[in-house]
Amino acid sequence: MTFDWTEGALAEGLRRYEAGEFFAAHEVWESLWLESLEPDKTFLQGLIQLTAAFHHLQRNNPLGTVRLLQAALRRLELYPPRFGGISVTLLCNDIRERLQALQSDEPPLGLAPVRIRPRCL
């Protein structure tokens, strides 16, 4: 699969993610995930779990958020520092920071989403 973040489903999912429309982003990326092969499939699954985590956070479910962030991290940590045009290092570091914040006294609803930054944008 070619990861093109400038058009199509990847771009639409990213736009919705950045707009805070996490459930919609999840749905858009899931359509790609269903048709993907490895290693792209597991990478997309990690991104989908990120969107689901922040959807849970919007619904005031910090435990669901933590569990989905942990699952996403387990998948994404398997990839090289850069995969699919995304800095996996930045992504995983952001996930770890959000997990640490959720396990502290910081109010979870003010937590910023993980940065998904394609190189092409």
Protein backbone atom coordinates (compact mmCIF):
# COMPACT_ATOMS: atom_id res chain seq x y z
CA MET A 1 0.00 0.00 0.00
CA THR A 2 1.18 3.50 -0.74
CA PHE A 3 0.66 5.85 2.18
CA ASP A 4 -0.57 9.05 0.56
CA TRP A 5 -1.64 11.48 3.27
CA THR A 6 -2.58 14.21 0.76
CA GLU A 7 -5.73 12.64 -0.70
CA GLY A 8 -8.14 9.77 -0.32
CA ALA A 9 -9.05 7.91 2.85
CA LEU A 10 -5.77 8.53 4.66
CA ALA A 11 -6.10 12.28 4.19
CA GLU A 12 -9.80 12.26 5.11
CA GLY A 13 -9.13 10.28 8.28
CA LEU A 14 -6.28 12.60 9.24
CA ARG A 15 -8.44 15.68 8.64
CA ARG A 16 -11.17 14.26 10.85
CA TYR A 17 -8.67 13.22 13.52
CA GLU A 18 -7.17 16.71 13.63
CA ALA A 19 -10.69 18.20 13.82
CA GLY A 20 -11.39 16.07 16.91
CA GLU A 21 -13.83 13.83 15.00
CA PHE A 22 -12.20 10.69 16.35
CA PHE A 23 -15.03 8.24 15.67
CA ALA A 24 -15.30 9.44 12.05
CA ALA A 25 -11.52 9.13 11.60
CA HIS A 26 -11.72 5.60 13.01
CA GLU A 27 -14.41 4.67 10.47
CA VAL A 28 -12.50 6.12 7.51
CA TRP A 29 -9.23 4.38 8.39
CA GLU A 30 -11.01 1.14 9.18
CA SER A 31 -12.14 0.94 5.55
CA LEU A 32 -8.46 0.92 4.52
CA TRP A 33 -7.48 -1.48 7.27
CA LEU A 34 -10.00 -4.07 6.09
CA GLU A 35 -8.30 -4.20 2.66
CA SER A 36 -4.68 -3.97 3.85
CA LEU A 37 -1.98 -6.59 4.12
CA GLU A 38 0.85 -6.75 6.62
CA PRO A 39 2.82 -4.78 7.69
CA ASP A 40 0.45 -1.94 6.78
CA LYS A 41 -2.53 -3.64 8.42
CA THR A 42 -1.08 -3.66 11.93
CA PHE A 43 0.21 -0.10 11.53
CA LEU A 44 -3.25 1.10 10.54
CA GLN A 45 -4.73 -0.85 13.43
CA GLY A 46 -2.47 1.10 15.79
CA LEU A 47 -3.68 4.39 14.30
CA ILE A 48 -7.28 3.25 14.54
CA GLN A 49 -6.76 2.38 18.19
CA LEU A 50 -5.45 5.91 18.75
CA THR A 51 -8.62 7.37 17.29
CA ALA A 52 -10.75 5.05 19.42
CA ALA A 53 -8.75 6.04 22.52
CA PHE A 54 -9.48 9.72 22.04
CA HIS A 55 -13.13 8.94 21.26
CA HIS A 56 -13.26 7.23 24.67
CA LEU A 57 -11.63 10.26 26.24
CA GLN A 58 -14.31 12.51 24.72
CA ARG A 59 -16.89 10.24 26.33
CA ASN A 60 -15.14 10.59 29.71
CA ASN A 61 -13.87 7.00 29.80
CA PRO A 62 -10.24 7.30 30.96
CA LEU A 63 -9.86 3.55 31.54
CA GLY A 64 -10.90 2.79 27.95
CA THR A 65 -8.53 5.51 26.79
CA VAL A 66 -5.60 4.00 28.68
CA ARG A 67 -6.29 0.49 27.42
CA LEU A 68 -6.54 1.59 23.79
CA LEU A 69 -3.42 3.76 24.02
CA GLN A 70 -1.51 0.81 25.49
CA ALA A 71 -2.74 -1.46 22.69
CA ALA A 72 -1.80 1.10 20.03
CA LEU A 73 1.65 1.54 21.57
CA ARG A 74 2.27 -2.22 21.59
CA ARG A 75 1.54 -2.35 17.86
CA LEU A 76 3.31 0.82 16.79
CA GLU A 77 6.50 0.15 18.78
CA LEU A 78 7.17 -2.76 16.43
CA TYR A 79 7.77 -0.40 13.49
CA PRO A 80 10.95 1.42 12.46
CA PRO A 81 11.38 5.10 13.44
CA ARG A 82 9.62 6.14 10.23
CA PHE A 83 6.88 4.11 8.56
CA GLY A 84 4.12 5.02 6.16
CA GLY A 85 5.38 8.59 5.99
CA ILE A 86 4.84 9.02 9.76
CA SER A 87 7.40 9.57 12.50
CA VAL A 88 6.71 6.48 14.59
CA THR A 89 9.20 7.74 17.17
CA LEU A 90 7.19 10.94 17.70
CA LEU A 91 3.94 8.98 17.73
CA CYS A 92 5.13 6.49 20.36
CA ASN A 93 6.68 9.22 22.52
CA ASP A 94 3.38 11.13 22.44
CA ILE A 95 1.46 8.00 23.42
CA ARG A 96 3.80 7.42 26.36
CA GLU A 97 3.37 11.05 27.49
CA ARG A 98 -0.44 10.76 27.31
CA LEU A 99 -0.37 7.51 29.27
CA GLN A 100 1.80 9.14 31.94
CA ALA A 101 -0.58 12.11 32.13
CA LEU A 102 -3.59 9.81 32.47
CA GLN A 103 -1.89 8.04 35.36
CA SER A 104 -1.18 11.34 37.13
CA ASP A 105 -3.49 13.92 38.63
CA GLU A 106 -3.85 15.82 35.33
CA PRO A 107 -7.49 16.19 34.23
CA PRO A 108 -7.92 13.69 31.38
CA LEU A 109 -10.41 15.74 29.34
CA GLY A 110 -7.78 18.43 28.68
CA LEU A 111 -5.37 15.92 27.18
CA ALA A 112 -4.16 16.84 23.69
CA PRO A 113 -4.42 14.14 21.00
CA VAL A 114 -1.30 12.33 19.87
CA ARG A 115 0.46 14.05 16.96
CA ILE A 116 0.19 12.19 13.66
CA ARG A 117 2.52 14.15 11.39
CA PRO A 118 3.05 12.85 7.87
CA ARG A 119 6.27 14.05 6.28
CA CYS A 120 4.48 15.19 3.11
CA LEU A 121 2.31 17.78 4.88
